[in-house]
Amino acid sequence: MGFLKELNKYFLKYGEIAIKKTEIAAQMAKVKIDIKKREMEIEKIKIEIGDYVISRFEENEQISNDVIKFKIDSMNSFKQGIDELKNRFETLKNELVKSSSEISM
């Protein structure tokens, strides 16, 4: 009976570790998706700036610095968010590595 008790204890321990690792991996995937969404928003803004400049040039109209500045500020906001998400991803990655080292204990 002692063997089965020990076996059950180890199954529970490693089951908890597996669940924790799965949760961390899911959070990492969500962060990666959020990063990709923000990168796509930056690309969209770049296209909008390009379209704006081209249309103004074709119509021989002056390009508004305010419009460009607003778009660049939006891009910078997304870039800042990406940096924060990358930091979060690294934190999660370190947690995953830490939980992996718990197995070897």
Protein backbone atom coordinates (compact mmCIF):
# COMPACT_ATOMS: atom_id res chain seq x y z
CA MET A 1 0.00 0.00 0.00
CA GLY A 2 2.89 2.37 0.70
CA PHE A 3 4.01 2.10 -2.90
CA LEU A 4 0.58 3.05 -4.24
CA LYS A 5 0.40 6.00 -1.85
CA GLU A 6 3.79 7.26 -3.05
CA LEU A 7 2.80 6.69 -6.66
CA ASN A 8 -0.42 8.65 -6.15
CA LYS A 9 1.54 11.46 -4.48
CA TYR A 10 3.92 11.71 -7.44
CA PHE A 11 1.06 11.63 -9.95
CA LEU A 12 -0.60 14.52 -8.14
CA LYS A 13 2.64 16.48 -7.94
CA TYR A 14 3.50 16.07 -11.60
CA GLY A 15 -0.11 16.62 -12.62
CA GLU A 16 -0.08 19.99 -10.85
CA ILE A 17 3.19 20.88 -12.55
CA ALA A 18 1.76 19.90 -15.95
CA ILE A 19 -1.34 22.02 -15.35
CA LYS A 20 0.78 24.99 -14.29
CA LYS A 21 3.00 24.64 -17.38
CA THR A 22 -0.06 24.40 -19.62
CA GLU A 23 -1.53 27.57 -18.10
CA ILE A 24 1.75 29.43 -18.59
CA ALA A 25 2.02 28.20 -22.18
CA ALA A 26 -1.54 29.38 -22.88
CA GLN A 27 -0.74 32.81 -21.45
CA MET A 28 2.39 32.95 -23.61
CA ALA A 29 0.32 32.15 -26.69
CA LYS A 30 -2.16 34.91 -25.84
CA VAL A 31 0.68 37.40 -25.42
CA LYS A 32 2.16 36.39 -28.79
CA ILE A 33 -1.24 36.90 -30.42
CA ASP A 34 -1.57 40.34 -28.82
CA ILE A 35 1.91 41.27 -30.06
CA LYS A 36 1.00 40.18 -33.59
CA LYS A 37 -2.26 42.18 -33.49
CA ARG A 38 -0.38 45.32 -32.47
CA GLU A 39 2.23 44.77 -35.17
CA MET A 40 -0.59 44.49 -37.70
CA GLU A 41 -2.07 47.76 -36.40
CA ILE A 42 1.30 49.45 -36.89
CA GLU A 43 1.44 48.19 -40.48
CA LYS A 44 -2.12 49.43 -41.03
CA ILE A 45 -1.14 52.90 -39.78
CA LYS A 46 1.91 52.93 -42.07
CA ILE A 47 -0.36 52.16 -45.01
CA GLU A 48 -2.75 54.92 -43.95
CA ILE A 49 0.13 57.41 -43.78
CA GLY A 50 1.33 56.33 -47.20
CA ASP A 51 -2.14 56.57 -48.70
CA TYR A 52 -2.62 60.00 -47.14
CA VAL A 53 0.70 61.33 -48.46
CA ILE A 54 0.11 59.90 -51.93
CA SER A 55 -3.41 61.32 -52.19
CA ARG A 56 -2.22 64.76 -51.04
CA PHE A 57 0.66 64.66 -53.50
CA GLU A 58 -1.59 63.64 -56.38
CA GLU A 59 -4.03 66.44 -55.55
CA ASN A 60 -1.17 68.94 -55.16
CA GLU A 61 -2.32 69.67 -51.62
CA GLN A 62 -0.18 70.32 -48.59
CA ILE A 63 0.53 67.44 -46.25
CA SER A 64 -0.69 68.17 -42.74
CA ASN A 65 1.97 67.61 -40.11
CA ASP A 66 -0.77 67.25 -37.51
CA VAL A 67 -2.25 64.25 -39.32
CA ILE A 68 1.15 62.60 -39.67
CA LYS A 69 2.04 63.35 -36.04
CA PHE A 70 -1.25 61.85 -34.84
CA LYS A 71 -0.58 58.66 -36.81
CA ILE A 72 3.01 58.45 -35.55
CA ASP A 73 1.82 58.93 -31.97
CA SER A 74 -0.60 56.05 -32.49
CA MET A 75 2.22 53.88 -33.85
CA ASN A 76 4.44 54.75 -30.89
CA SER A 77 1.65 53.81 -28.52
CA PHE A 78 1.37 50.39 -30.18
CA LYS A 79 5.17 49.99 -30.07
CA GLN A 80 5.18 50.75 -26.35
CA GLY A 81 2.46 48.16 -25.85
CA ILE A 82 4.51 45.63 -27.79
CA ASP A 83 7.53 46.28 -25.58
CA GLU A 84 5.39 45.72 -22.48
CA LEU A 85 3.99 42.51 -23.96
CA LYS A 86 7.49 41.28 -24.83
CA ASN A 87 8.52 41.86 -21.21
CA ARG A 88 5.45 39.92 -20.07
CA PHE A 89 6.35 37.12 -22.47
CA GLU A 90 9.88 36.92 -21.05
CA THR A 91 8.48 36.80 -17.51
CA LEU A 92 6.18 33.95 -18.50
CA LYS A 93 9.03 32.16 -20.25
CA ASN A 94 11.11 32.39 -17.08
CA GLU A 95 8.18 31.01 -15.07
CA LEU A 96 7.95 28.11 -17.51
CA VAL A 97 11.66 27.37 -17.14
CA LYS A 98 11.33 27.63 -13.37
CA SER A 99 8.43 25.19 -13.36
CA SER A 100 10.51 22.82 -15.51
CA SER A 101 13.30 22.91 -12.95
CA GLU A 102 10.79 21.89 -10.26
CA ILE A 103 10.44 18.54 -11.99
CA SER A 104 14.09 17.69 -11.53
CA MET A 105 13.92 18.33 -7.78
